[in-house]
């Protein structure tokens, strides 16, 4: 009997699992609270790490190729996220990117302005990433996402307080393979190509992991390959041929007595430094050690006092200009009896004296002017270092120097597409970017700005002269290559023969049209998302 019972038991099907067994299995499947919290932190940490990776792609490091990988990592974090999550992840990405990139803004004034600026810009990047997250589920997501990125850069270049376009993707690509696209469509197209390559890389990896069909895989790979191919096709637009002959240009770096906001605390010392270095250049020319220049460019603020109101400053400049015997562009601060100060470049002729001026048009908020002064003073008393605001000029400045048209783009203006483009369209054969970086000491700021100047050289196919009070000064050819440059905080002079060019690149002729076209693409992607949601609600 026992054997028969045993055989019957073995032949019976197994009993269904009871409640106790089911509950035990479910408990095993649910992650522990600590693991859940850790999983939720992965995306935020990766977003911040992507920002740091993008920072590392910027000068003075020659790691431009990191930028697409940084954006691929960001795209992976944003894919499929809701709007609120996209904004938060984008904000963390912005902090990881801009905190180290803009740390130089804290020089001499402490961390408050730096953190305030980075927070504001990171919020705008968060808004951009909100849009990228929304379009991430659309077919062709890399295209829509890259266009939304350009829309975010366009916003940051215009608002608030006139915009702050430092940190555009384009400005980290001076050494990169994508740079010829600047001559085709300006910095917006260059930024778009980098973003498209990065977002396409993320899409290609995602599609490869999901075992796609051939068409889907080909489209994903195309978004990576197309920007590179377009850049190679645009190479013929990059040329340093001397269309209008050549000129010998001299760039003066006189140095300053000290770094920081008190660089001009010793009256006339900055002016004397630049005048003395010009006198030394005149001696070198006379001795045959260097060729005689056709014109000379001094930096922004190289005359720390107004030569129109201070006779001793006028005499010092006039003596130096007469010694070198060619036109010299002098940077000075003019203080009219009423109204704002003027950050002015003065064309000084060895015979006629001062003959023309250019007033800087893009005035740096919280540096040369203080918006909401009484409110900002609650957070930092350093706003009162700017006792009198600067006012903007209205017209581009192109000086006739030794028969060549030299366009003035003063320091901060080099970050703005319209300021540079309008100068070239006004007849500049050469671009000069006189700058004063002494306030920012030995930080990376001067190298970041030099990279911008190199992009502008390719964008408009012009030689670019970069005289800086404390360095790094440089001479850049129209193909973006640096012919010569100085060291920081030394007195020096660069004398180089440069090509003169008058041809306008497509970027110069088209102006903002490529950017507007990409804004329409971004609007189309966001509009498609909105339409999908409306249809889903109606269906529900």
Protein backbone atom coordinates (compact mmCIF):
# COMPACT_ATOMS: atom_id res chain seq x y z
CA UNK A 1 0.00 0.00 0.00
CA UNK A 2 2.73 2.37 0.86
CA UNK A 3 4.40 1.80 -2.48
CA UNK A 4 1.18 2.53 -4.35
CA UNK A 5 0.68 5.76 -2.41
CA UNK A 6 4.19 6.78 -3.21
CA UNK A 7 3.71 6.14 -6.93
CA UNK A 8 0.45 8.12 -6.88
CA UNK A 9 2.16 11.06 -5.18
CA UNK A 10 4.96 11.09 -7.75
CA UNK A 11 2.46 11.05 -10.62
CA UNK A 12 0.40 14.00 -9.34
CA UNK A 13 1.12 17.35 -10.85
CA UNK A 14 2.84 19.85 -8.59
CA UNK A 15 0.59 22.09 -6.50
CA UNK A 16 0.46 25.77 -7.40
CA UNK A 17 2.59 27.97 -5.26
CA UNK A 18 0.86 29.26 -2.19
CA UNK A 19 0.64 32.84 -1.01
CA UNK A 20 3.65 32.55 1.23
CA UNK A 21 5.88 31.40 -1.63
CA UNK A 22 4.59 34.16 -3.95
CA UNK A 23 5.24 36.86 -1.40
CA UNK A 24 8.72 35.57 -0.76
CA UNK A 25 9.57 35.64 -4.52
CA UNK A 26 8.26 39.20 -4.90
CA UNK A 27 10.30 40.33 -1.97
CA UNK A 28 13.39 38.87 -3.59
CA UNK A 29 12.65 40.75 -6.88
CA UNK A 30 12.25 44.22 -5.32
CA UNK A 31 15.58 46.06 -4.89
CA UNK A 32 16.56 47.12 -1.42
CA UNK A 33 15.93 50.81 -0.57
CA UNK A 34 19.65 51.60 -0.72
CA UNK A 35 19.93 50.09 -4.19
CA UNK A 36 16.87 52.03 -5.39
CA UNK A 37 18.41 55.29 -4.19
CA UNK A 38 21.70 54.36 -5.88
CA UNK A 39 19.93 53.61 -9.16
CA UNK A 40 18.17 56.99 -9.03
CA UNK A 41 21.53 58.73 -8.63
CA UNK A 42 23.08 57.16 -11.73
CA UNK A 43 21.58 59.53 -14.29
CA UNK A 44 22.27 62.73 -12.30
CA UNK A 45 25.87 61.67 -11.72
CA UNK A 46 26.33 60.79 -15.39
CA UNK A 47 24.81 64.12 -16.45
CA UNK A 48 27.22 66.06 -14.24
CA UNK A 49 30.11 63.88 -15.48
CA UNK A 50 29.11 64.64 -19.08
CA UNK A 51 29.39 68.35 -18.25
CA UNK A 52 32.88 67.90 -16.84
CA UNK A 53 33.85 65.89 -19.93
CA UNK A 54 32.67 68.74 -22.17
CA UNK A 55 34.73 71.21 -20.11
CA UNK A 56 37.81 69.04 -20.62
CA UNK A 57 37.35 69.33 -24.39
CA UNK A 58 38.01 73.10 -24.23
CA UNK A 59 41.36 74.93 -24.50
CA UNK A 60 44.06 75.03 -23.34
CA UNK A 61 43.66 71.26 -23.68
CA UNK A 62 43.71 69.95 -27.31
CA UNK A 63 40.95 67.45 -26.52
CA UNK A 64 38.25 68.77 -28.89
CA UNK A 65 37.22 65.19 -29.73
CA UNK A 66 35.84 64.70 -26.22
CA UNK A 67 32.90 66.99 -27.01
CA UNK A 68 30.87 64.48 -29.07
CA UNK A 69 31.37 61.83 -26.39
CA UNK A 70 30.22 64.26 -23.70
CA UNK A 71 27.06 65.00 -25.67
CA UNK A 72 26.49 61.30 -26.35
CA UNK A 73 26.57 60.68 -22.61
CA UNK A 74 24.17 63.58 -22.05
CA UNK A 75 21.80 62.24 -24.72
CA UNK A 76 21.79 58.85 -23.00
CA UNK A 77 20.77 60.52 -19.74
CA UNK A 78 17.99 62.53 -21.39
CA UNK A 79 16.45 59.90 -23.66
CA UNK A 80 12.84 59.20 -22.77
CA UNK A 81 12.87 61.46 -19.71
CA UNK A 82 9.95 63.70 -18.85
CA UNK A 83 10.29 67.45 -19.14
CA UNK A 84 10.97 68.03 -15.45
CA UNK A 85 13.63 65.33 -15.31
CA UNK A 86 15.22 66.68 -18.50
CA UNK A 87 15.45 70.12 -16.95
CA UNK A 88 17.02 68.81 -13.76
CA UNK A 89 19.55 66.64 -15.58
CA UNK A 90 20.40 69.53 -17.90
CA UNK A 91 20.95 71.81 -14.93
CA UNK A 92 23.41 69.33 -13.41
CA UNK A 93 25.13 68.98 -16.78
CA UNK A 94 25.41 72.79 -16.94
CA UNK A 95 26.95 72.96 -13.47
CA UNK A 96 29.49 70.24 -14.32
CA UNK A 97 30.38 72.09 -17.50
CA UNK A 98 30.37 75.75 -16.49
CA UNK A 99 31.65 75.69 -12.91
CA UNK A 100 35.18 74.80 -14.04
CA UNK A 101 34.93 76.59 -17.42
CA UNK A 102 34.03 79.97 -15.89
CA UNK A 103 35.98 79.80 -12.63
CA UNK A 104 38.08 82.73 -13.89
CA UNK A 105 35.11 85.06 -13.25
CA UNK A 106 35.86 84.73 -9.52
CA UNK A 107 39.33 86.29 -9.86
CA UNK A 108 39.61 89.22 -7.48
CA UNK A 109 35.92 89.31 -6.54
CA UNK A 110 35.35 85.97 -4.81
CA UNK A 111 32.94 83.14 -5.58
CA UNK A 112 29.58 84.98 -5.48
CA UNK A 113 29.62 86.42 -9.06
CA UNK A 114 31.03 83.15 -10.41
CA UNK A 115 28.37 80.97 -8.79
CA UNK A 116 25.59 83.42 -9.73
CA UNK A 117 26.66 83.48 -13.39
CA UNK A 118 27.08 79.70 -13.59
CA UNK A 119 23.72 79.09 -11.92
CA UNK A 120 21.93 81.39 -14.35
CA UNK A 121 23.62 79.85 -17.39
CA UNK A 122 23.05 76.31 -16.08
CA UNK A 123 19.33 77.07 -15.73
CA UNK A 124 19.27 78.06 -19.40
CA UNK A 125 21.10 74.84 -20.30
CA UNK A 126 18.52 72.99 -18.20
CA UNK A 127 15.79 74.58 -20.30
CA UNK A 128 17.62 73.45 -23.43
CA UNK A 129 17.89 69.88 -22.15
CA UNK A 130 14.20 69.92 -21.29
CA UNK A 131 13.56 70.42 -25.00
CA UNK A 132 16.09 67.72 -25.96
CA UNK A 133 14.36 65.25 -23.62
CA UNK A 134 10.98 66.03 -25.21
CA UNK A 135 12.19 65.33 -28.76
CA UNK A 136 14.26 62.27 -27.75
CA UNK A 137 11.46 59.81 -28.66
CA UNK A 138 10.80 61.26 -32.10
CA UNK A 139 12.11 59.48 -35.21
CA UNK A 140 15.40 61.15 -36.10
CA UNK A 141 15.91 62.28 -32.48
CA UNK A 142 19.61 63.31 -32.96
CA UNK A 143 18.61 65.84 -35.64
CA UNK A 144 15.90 67.42 -33.50
CA UNK A 145 18.07 67.35 -30.38
CA UNK A 146 21.02 69.04 -32.09
CA UNK A 147 18.72 71.78 -33.41
CA UNK A 148 17.31 72.33 -29.92
CA UNK A 149 20.87 72.61 -28.60
CA UNK A 150 21.58 75.41 -31.10
CA UNK A 151 18.34 77.10 -30.03
CA UNK A 152 19.61 77.01 -26.45
CA UNK A 153 22.91 78.60 -27.48
CA UNK A 154 21.00 81.29 -29.39
CA UNK A 155 19.01 82.07 -26.25
CA UNK A 156 22.12 82.28 -24.07
CA UNK A 157 23.77 84.62 -26.59
CA UNK A 158 20.88 87.08 -26.31
CA UNK A 159 19.46 86.95 -22.79
CA UNK A 160 19.52 88.05 -20.11
CA UNK A 161 21.33 91.44 -20.06
CA UNK A 162 22.31 91.16 -23.71
CA UNK A 163 23.45 87.55 -23.44
CA UNK A 164 26.60 85.64 -22.58
CA UNK A 165 27.67 83.24 -25.33
CA UNK A 166 30.88 82.03 -23.68
CA UNK A 167 31.04 78.26 -23.85
CA UNK A 168 29.42 77.65 -27.22
CA UNK A 169 30.30 74.21 -28.52
CA UNK A 170 31.93 75.89 -31.53
CA UNK A 171 34.51 77.67 -29.37
CA UNK A 172 36.07 74.38 -28.25
CA UNK A 173 36.69 73.16 -31.79
CA UNK A 174 39.59 75.33 -33.01
CA UNK A 175 41.80 72.23 -33.40
CA UNK A 176 39.00 69.96 -34.56
CA UNK A 177 37.88 68.31 -37.76
CA UNK A 178 34.56 70.18 -37.79
CA UNK A 179 36.04 73.70 -37.93
CA UNK A 180 35.63 74.28 -41.73
CA UNK A 181 31.87 74.36 -41.16
CA UNK A 182 32.36 77.74 -39.47
CA UNK A 183 33.13 79.21 -42.92
CA UNK A 184 29.93 77.69 -44.28
CA UNK A 185 27.36 78.53 -41.61
CA UNK A 186 29.15 80.27 -38.76
CA UNK A 187 29.31 79.13 -35.17
CA UNK A 188 25.66 77.89 -35.11
CA UNK A 189 26.36 75.34 -37.85
CA UNK A 190 29.63 74.31 -36.20
CA UNK A 191 27.88 73.77 -32.86
CA UNK A 192 25.08 71.87 -34.63
CA UNK A 193 27.57 69.49 -36.26
CA UNK A 194 29.26 68.68 -32.94
CA UNK A 195 25.91 68.15 -31.21
CA UNK A 196 24.55 66.02 -34.07
CA UNK A 197 27.64 63.82 -34.03
CA UNK A 198 27.37 63.35 -30.27
CA UNK A 199 23.64 62.66 -30.20
CA UNK A 200 24.02 60.41 -33.25
CA UNK A 201 26.73 58.44 -31.47
CA UNK A 202 24.34 57.77 -28.60
CA UNK A 203 21.61 56.72 -31.02
CA UNK A 204 23.96 54.40 -32.92
CA UNK A 205 24.95 52.63 -29.69
CA UNK A 206 21.30 52.31 -28.61
CA UNK A 207 20.20 50.95 -31.98
CA UNK A 208 23.11 48.51 -32.13
CA UNK A 209 22.14 47.07 -28.75
CA UNK A 210 18.52 46.54 -29.84
CA UNK A 211 19.42 44.48 -32.98
CA UNK A 212 17.84 46.83 -35.51
CA UNK A 213 16.94 46.52 -39.14
CA UNK A 214 19.40 47.75 -41.73
CA UNK A 215 17.55 51.00 -42.47
CA UNK A 216 17.39 52.08 -38.83
CA UNK A 217 21.04 51.25 -38.27
CA UNK A 218 22.10 53.12 -41.40
CA UNK A 219 20.22 56.24 -40.34
CA UNK A 220 21.79 56.14 -36.89
CA UNK A 221 25.29 55.82 -38.34
CA UNK A 222 24.54 58.59 -40.84
CA UNK A 223 23.98 61.10 -38.04
CA UNK A 224 27.55 60.44 -36.88
CA UNK A 225 29.18 60.33 -40.30
CA UNK A 226 27.31 63.19 -41.99
CA UNK A 227 28.78 66.03 -39.86
CA UNK A 228 32.30 64.74 -40.45
CA UNK A 229 31.67 64.37 -44.17
CA UNK A 230 30.19 67.87 -44.40
CA UNK A 231 33.23 69.31 -42.62
CA UNK A 232 35.59 67.59 -45.05
CA UNK A 233 33.52 68.85 -47.99
CA UNK A 234 33.77 72.41 -46.62
CA UNK A 235 37.59 72.33 -46.52
CA UNK A 236 37.96 74.30 -49.81
CA UNK A 237 36.32 77.28 -48.07
CA UNK A 238 39.32 77.53 -45.73
CA UNK A 239 42.17 79.45 -47.37
CA UNK A 240 44.97 81.78 -46.33
CA UNK A 241 45.86 82.96 -49.84
CA UNK A 242 46.78 86.66 -50.09
CA UNK A 243 43.99 87.98 -52.32
CA UNK A 244 44.87 91.66 -51.79
CA UNK A 245 48.58 91.32 -51.18
CA UNK A 246 50.20 91.19 -47.77
CA UNK A 247 50.97 93.57 -44.94
CA UNK A 248 53.46 93.50 -42.08
CA UNK A 249 51.56 93.86 -38.81
CA UNK A 250 52.92 94.45 -35.32
CA UNK A 251 51.14 93.52 -32.09
CA UNK A 252 52.30 95.12 -28.84
CA UNK A 253 52.02 93.50 -25.41
CA UNK A 254 53.33 95.99 -22.88
CA UNK A 255 52.36 94.04 -19.75
CA UNK A 256 50.86 95.45 -16.53
CA UNK A 257 52.43 96.17 -13.13
CA UNK A 258 50.12 93.69 -11.39
CA UNK A 259 47.29 91.28 -12.18
CA UNK A 260 43.70 91.71 -11.01
CA UNK A 261 41.34 94.65 -10.81
CA UNK A 262 44.16 96.96 -9.72
CA UNK A 263 46.18 96.40 -12.89
CA UNK A 264 45.99 100.15 -13.60
CA UNK A 265 46.33 101.40 -10.03
CA UNK A 266 49.66 103.07 -10.79
CA UNK A 267 48.78 106.07 -12.90
CA UNK A 268 50.13 105.87 -16.46
CA UNK A 269 52.20 102.74 -15.79
CA UNK A 270 50.25 100.60 -18.27
CA UNK A 271 50.54 103.32 -20.91
CA UNK A 272 54.26 103.74 -20.29
CA UNK A 273 54.79 99.97 -20.62
CA UNK A 274 53.16 99.90 -24.07
CA UNK A 275 54.86 103.10 -25.22
CA UNK A 276 58.27 101.78 -24.11
CA UNK A 277 57.75 98.47 -25.88
CA UNK A 278 56.82 100.37 -29.05
CA UNK A 279 59.96 102.51 -28.73
CA UNK A 280 61.99 99.31 -28.38
CA UNK A 281 60.32 97.96 -31.52
CA UNK A 282 61.31 101.15 -33.35
CA UNK A 283 64.92 100.56 -32.26
CA UNK A 284 64.75 96.95 -33.47
CA UNK A 285 63.46 98.12 -36.85
CA UNK A 286 66.21 100.71 -37.14
CA UNK A 287 68.84 98.07 -36.30
CA UNK A 288 67.40 95.69 -38.92
CA UNK A 289 66.47 93.02 -36.39
CA UNK A 290 62.80 92.98 -37.51
CA UNK A 291 61.03 94.31 -40.61
CA UNK A 292 59.27 97.65 -40.37
CA UNK A 293 55.55 97.13 -39.84
CA UNK A 294 52.88 98.79 -41.97
CA UNK A 295 50.78 99.35 -38.85
CA UNK A 296 50.77 98.56 -35.13
CA UNK A 297 47.92 97.51 -32.81
CA UNK A 298 47.95 98.05 -29.03
CA UNK A 299 45.59 96.22 -26.65
CA UNK A 300 42.34 97.34 -25.11
CA UNK A 301 42.96 99.74 -22.16
CA UNK A 302 46.64 100.05 -23.12
CA UNK A 303 46.34 103.73 -22.25
CA UNK A 304 44.95 103.66 -18.73
CA UNK A 305 44.18 107.42 -18.86
CA UNK A 306 42.32 109.54 -21.39
CA UNK A 307 44.81 111.10 -23.85
CA UNK A 308 42.22 113.68 -24.93
CA UNK A 309 42.03 115.19 -21.44
CA UNK A 310 45.52 114.37 -20.05
CA UNK A 311 48.33 116.17 -21.93
CA UNK A 312 51.06 113.92 -20.54
CA UNK A 313 49.29 110.81 -21.88
CA UNK A 314 48.89 112.45 -25.29
CA UNK A 315 52.62 113.30 -25.37
CA UNK A 316 53.70 109.75 -24.42
CA UNK A 317 51.54 108.18 -27.14
CA UNK A 318 52.51 110.72 -29.78
CA UNK A 319 56.21 110.19 -29.11
CA UNK A 320 55.90 106.39 -29.47
CA UNK A 321 53.83 106.64 -32.66
CA UNK A 322 56.26 109.10 -34.24
CA UNK A 323 59.17 106.81 -33.35
CA UNK A 324 57.67 103.80 -35.14
CA UNK A 325 56.47 106.03 -37.99
CA UNK A 326 53.28 104.12 -38.93
CA UNK A 327 49.62 104.26 -37.84
CA UNK A 328 48.93 102.76 -34.42
CA UNK A 329 45.59 101.68 -32.91
CA UNK A 330 45.52 102.65 -29.22
CA UNK A 331 43.08 101.28 -26.64
CA UNK A 332 41.89 103.77 -24.05
CA UNK A 333 39.04 104.66 -21.70
CA UNK A 334 37.47 108.01 -22.58
CA UNK A 335 35.67 109.92 -19.85
CA UNK A 336 33.33 112.59 -21.27
CA UNK A 337 32.03 115.23 -18.88
CA UNK A 338 28.55 113.73 -18.99
CA UNK A 339 27.17 110.34 -19.87
CA UNK A 340 28.79 106.93 -19.69
CA UNK A 341 32.45 106.07 -20.14
CA UNK A 342 33.66 104.85 -23.54
CA UNK A 343 35.91 101.85 -24.19
CA UNK A 344 37.57 103.27 -27.28
CA UNK A 345 40.16 102.33 -29.87
CA UNK A 346 41.91 105.41 -31.27
CA UNK A 347 43.62 105.51 -34.67
CA UNK A 348 46.81 107.54 -34.14
CA UNK A 349 48.70 108.83 -37.17
CA UNK A 350 52.43 109.69 -36.82
CA UNK A 351 51.81 113.04 -38.54
CA UNK A 352 48.18 113.99 -37.84
CA UNK A 353 47.78 112.51 -34.38
CA UNK A 354 44.42 110.94 -33.43
CA UNK A 355 42.21 110.79 -36.53
CA UNK A 356 39.47 108.18 -35.90
CA UNK A 357 37.84 106.23 -33.07
CA UNK A 358 35.83 103.09 -32.48
CA UNK A 359 33.66 102.63 -29.39
CA UNK A 360 33.14 99.09 -28.14
CA UNK A 361 29.55 98.03 -28.89
CA UNK A 362 29.14 94.94 -26.69
CA UNK A 363 29.52 96.08 -23.10
CA UNK A 364 30.09 93.33 -20.55
CA UNK A 365 27.31 93.20 -17.92
CA UNK A 366 28.60 93.22 -14.33
CA UNK A 367 32.06 94.02 -15.66
CA UNK A 368 31.75 97.27 -17.58
CA UNK A 369 28.20 98.09 -16.55
CA UNK A 370 26.15 97.03 -13.54
CA UNK A 371 22.50 96.17 -14.18
CA UNK A 372 20.25 96.37 -11.09
CA UNK A 373 23.10 97.92 -9.12
CA UNK A 374 21.22 98.43 -5.83
CA UNK A 375 19.94 94.84 -5.83
CA UNK A 376 23.26 93.26 -6.79
CA UNK A 377 25.02 95.27 -4.05
CA UNK A 378 23.10 93.19 -1.49
CA UNK A 379 25.17 90.18 -2.55
CA UNK A 380 28.55 91.75 -3.38
CA UNK A 381 30.02 95.16 -2.61
CA UNK A 382 32.45 94.66 -5.52
CA UNK A 383 29.86 96.16 -7.87
CA UNK A 384 30.98 99.57 -6.64
CA UNK A 385 34.40 99.02 -8.18
CA UNK A 386 32.59 99.96 -11.39
CA UNK A 387 31.76 103.48 -10.22
CA UNK A 388 30.65 104.69 -13.65
CA UNK A 389 29.08 102.48 -16.29
CA UNK A 390 30.40 102.19 -19.82
CA UNK A 391 28.10 102.96 -22.73
CA UNK A 392 27.98 101.07 -26.05
CA UNK A 393 29.05 102.38 -29.43
CA UNK A 394 26.73 102.14 -32.41
CA UNK A 395 28.79 101.56 -35.58
CA UNK A 396 31.43 98.99 -36.56
CA UNK A 397 34.96 100.34 -36.72
CA UNK A 398 37.31 99.75 -39.65
CA UNK A 399 40.52 101.79 -39.57
CA UNK A 400 42.50 102.63 -42.71
CA UNK A 401 45.98 101.69 -41.53
CA UNK A 402 48.76 101.84 -44.09
CA UNK A 403 46.26 101.23 -46.89
CA UNK A 404 44.72 98.16 -45.22
CA UNK A 405 41.26 97.92 -43.67
CA UNK A 406 41.69 96.79 -40.05
CA UNK A 407 38.43 95.96 -38.29
CA UNK A 408 38.20 96.49 -34.53
CA UNK A 409 36.46 93.82 -32.44
CA UNK A 410 37.25 94.68 -28.83
CA UNK A 411 37.78 91.75 -26.45
CA UNK A 412 34.35 90.52 -25.23
CA UNK A 413 32.82 91.31 -28.63
CA UNK A 414 34.63 88.35 -30.21
CA UNK A 415 32.10 86.06 -28.51
CA UNK A 416 29.20 87.57 -30.48
CA UNK A 417 28.54 86.55 -34.07
CA UNK A 418 26.93 89.82 -35.16
CA UNK A 419 29.72 92.03 -33.80
CA UNK A 420 32.41 90.24 -35.81
CA UNK A 421 30.33 89.75 -38.94
CA UNK A 422 29.26 93.41 -39.16
CA UNK A 423 32.92 94.48 -38.91
CA UNK A 424 33.93 92.23 -41.81
CA UNK A 425 30.97 93.37 -43.90
CA UNK A 426 32.00 96.98 -43.23
CA UNK A 427 35.20 96.34 -45.20
CA UNK A 428 37.71 94.75 -42.81
CA UNK A 429 40.53 92.90 -44.58
CA UNK A 430 42.04 92.00 -41.20
CA UNK A 431 40.33 91.58 -37.82
CA UNK A 432 41.98 92.98 -34.69
CA UNK A 433 40.77 91.80 -31.27
CA UNK A 434 42.48 94.15 -28.78
CA UNK A 435 41.91 92.75 -25.29
CA UNK A 436 42.72 93.31 -21.63
CA UNK A 437 42.83 90.04 -19.66
CA UNK A 438 44.95 91.31 -16.77
CA UNK A 439 41.89 91.21 -14.51
CA UNK A 440 41.75 87.42 -14.81
CA UNK A 441 45.35 86.63 -13.96
CA UNK A 442 46.85 83.37 -15.21
CA UNK A 443 43.54 81.55 -15.64
CA UNK A 444 42.33 79.64 -18.70
CA UNK A 445 40.24 82.63 -19.80
CA UNK A 446 42.85 84.00 -22.19
CA UNK A 447 43.22 80.60 -23.92
CA UNK A 448 39.45 80.23 -24.24
CA UNK A 449 39.30 83.65 -25.88
CA UNK A 450 42.20 82.86 -28.20
CA UNK A 451 40.29 79.77 -29.39
CA UNK A 452 37.29 82.00 -30.20
CA UNK A 453 39.55 84.25 -32.24
CA UNK A 454 40.83 81.25 -34.20
CA UNK A 455 37.25 80.22 -35.01
CA UNK A 456 36.51 83.80 -36.17
CA UNK A 457 39.54 83.66 -38.50
CA UNK A 458 38.13 80.59 -40.28
CA UNK A 459 34.53 81.80 -40.15
CA UNK A 460 35.31 85.01 -42.06
CA UNK A 461 38.58 83.99 -43.78
CA UNK A 462 40.55 86.85 -42.25
CA UNK A 463 43.86 87.18 -40.45
CA UNK A 464 43.23 87.98 -36.79
CA UNK A 465 45.54 90.07 -34.61
CA UNK A 466 45.18 89.59 -30.86
CA UNK A 467 47.05 92.21 -28.78
CA UNK A 468 46.50 91.62 -25.05
CA UNK A 469 47.87 93.79 -22.23
CA UNK A 470 49.21 90.82 -20.26
CA UNK A 471 48.98 87.99 -22.82
CA UNK A 472 48.44 85.71 -24.53
CA UNK A 473 48.85 87.91 -27.63
CA UNK A 474 48.88 86.19 -31.02
CA UNK A 475 48.83 86.47 -34.79
CA UNK A 476 46.37 84.10 -36.49
CA UNK A 477 46.15 83.32 -40.21
CA UNK A 478 42.82 82.99 -42.07
CA UNK A 479 42.97 79.19 -41.80
CA UNK A 480 42.94 79.45 -38.00
CA UNK A 481 46.60 78.54 -37.46
CA UNK A 482 48.55 80.54 -34.89
CA UNK A 483 51.69 81.97 -36.49
CA UNK A 484 53.18 83.34 -33.28
CA UNK A 485 52.12 84.08 -29.73
CA UNK A 486 53.54 85.56 -26.54
CA UNK A 487 53.83 84.27 -23.01
CA UNK A 488 51.68 85.66 -20.21
CA UNK A 489 52.75 88.68 -18.15
CA UNK A 490 55.77 89.58 -20.24
CA UNK A 491 56.48 92.61 -22.41
CA UNK A 492 56.76 91.57 -26.04
CA UNK A 493 56.05 92.47 -29.66
CA UNK A 494 55.00 90.23 -32.53
CA UNK A 495 55.85 91.27 -36.10
CA UNK A 496 54.45 89.08 -38.89
CA UNK A 497 53.60 89.32 -42.57
CA UNK A 498 49.90 88.49 -42.97
CA UNK A 499 47.65 87.97 -46.00
CA UNK A 500 44.99 90.56 -46.81
CA UNK A 501 41.64 89.15 -47.93
CA UNK A 502 38.35 90.65 -49.09
CA UNK A 503 36.32 87.59 -50.20
CA UNK A 504 33.29 86.96 -48.04
CA UNK A 505 32.67 83.39 -46.91
CA UNK A 506 29.14 81.93 -47.03
CA UNK A 507 29.00 82.47 -43.26
CA UNK A 508 29.73 86.18 -43.74
CA UNK A 509 27.19 86.55 -46.55
CA UNK A 510 24.40 84.47 -45.00
CA UNK A 511 24.75 86.01 -41.56
CA UNK A 512 22.17 84.66 -39.10
CA UNK A 513 20.20 82.67 -41.72
CA UNK A 514 21.76 79.26 -40.86
CA UNK A 515 20.92 79.86 -37.20
CA UNK A 516 17.35 80.85 -38.08
CA UNK A 517 16.98 77.70 -40.19
CA UNK A 518 18.12 75.53 -37.27
CA UNK A 519 15.72 77.36 -34.96
CA UNK A 520 12.90 76.41 -37.34
CA UNK A 521 14.05 72.77 -37.18
CA UNK A 522 13.99 72.92 -33.38
CA UNK A 523 10.53 74.48 -33.43
CA UNK A 524 9.38 71.73 -35.80
CA UNK A 525 10.57 69.02 -33.44
CA UNK A 526 8.96 70.59 -30.38
CA UNK A 527 5.79 71.20 -32.41
CA UNK A 528 5.67 67.52 -33.35
CA UNK A 529 5.88 66.57 -29.68
CA UNK A 530 3.05 68.95 -28.82
CA UNK A 531 0.91 67.53 -31.66
CA UNK A 532 1.50 63.96 -30.43
CA UNK A 533 0.33 64.92 -26.95
CA UNK A 534 -2.79 66.63 -28.24
CA UNK A 535 -3.70 63.55 -30.28
CA UNK A 536 -3.06 61.27 -27.30
CA UNK A 537 -5.38 63.33 -25.09
CA UNK A 538 -8.11 63.31 -27.72
CA UNK A 539 -7.77 59.55 -28.10
CA UNK A 540 -8.04 59.14 -24.34
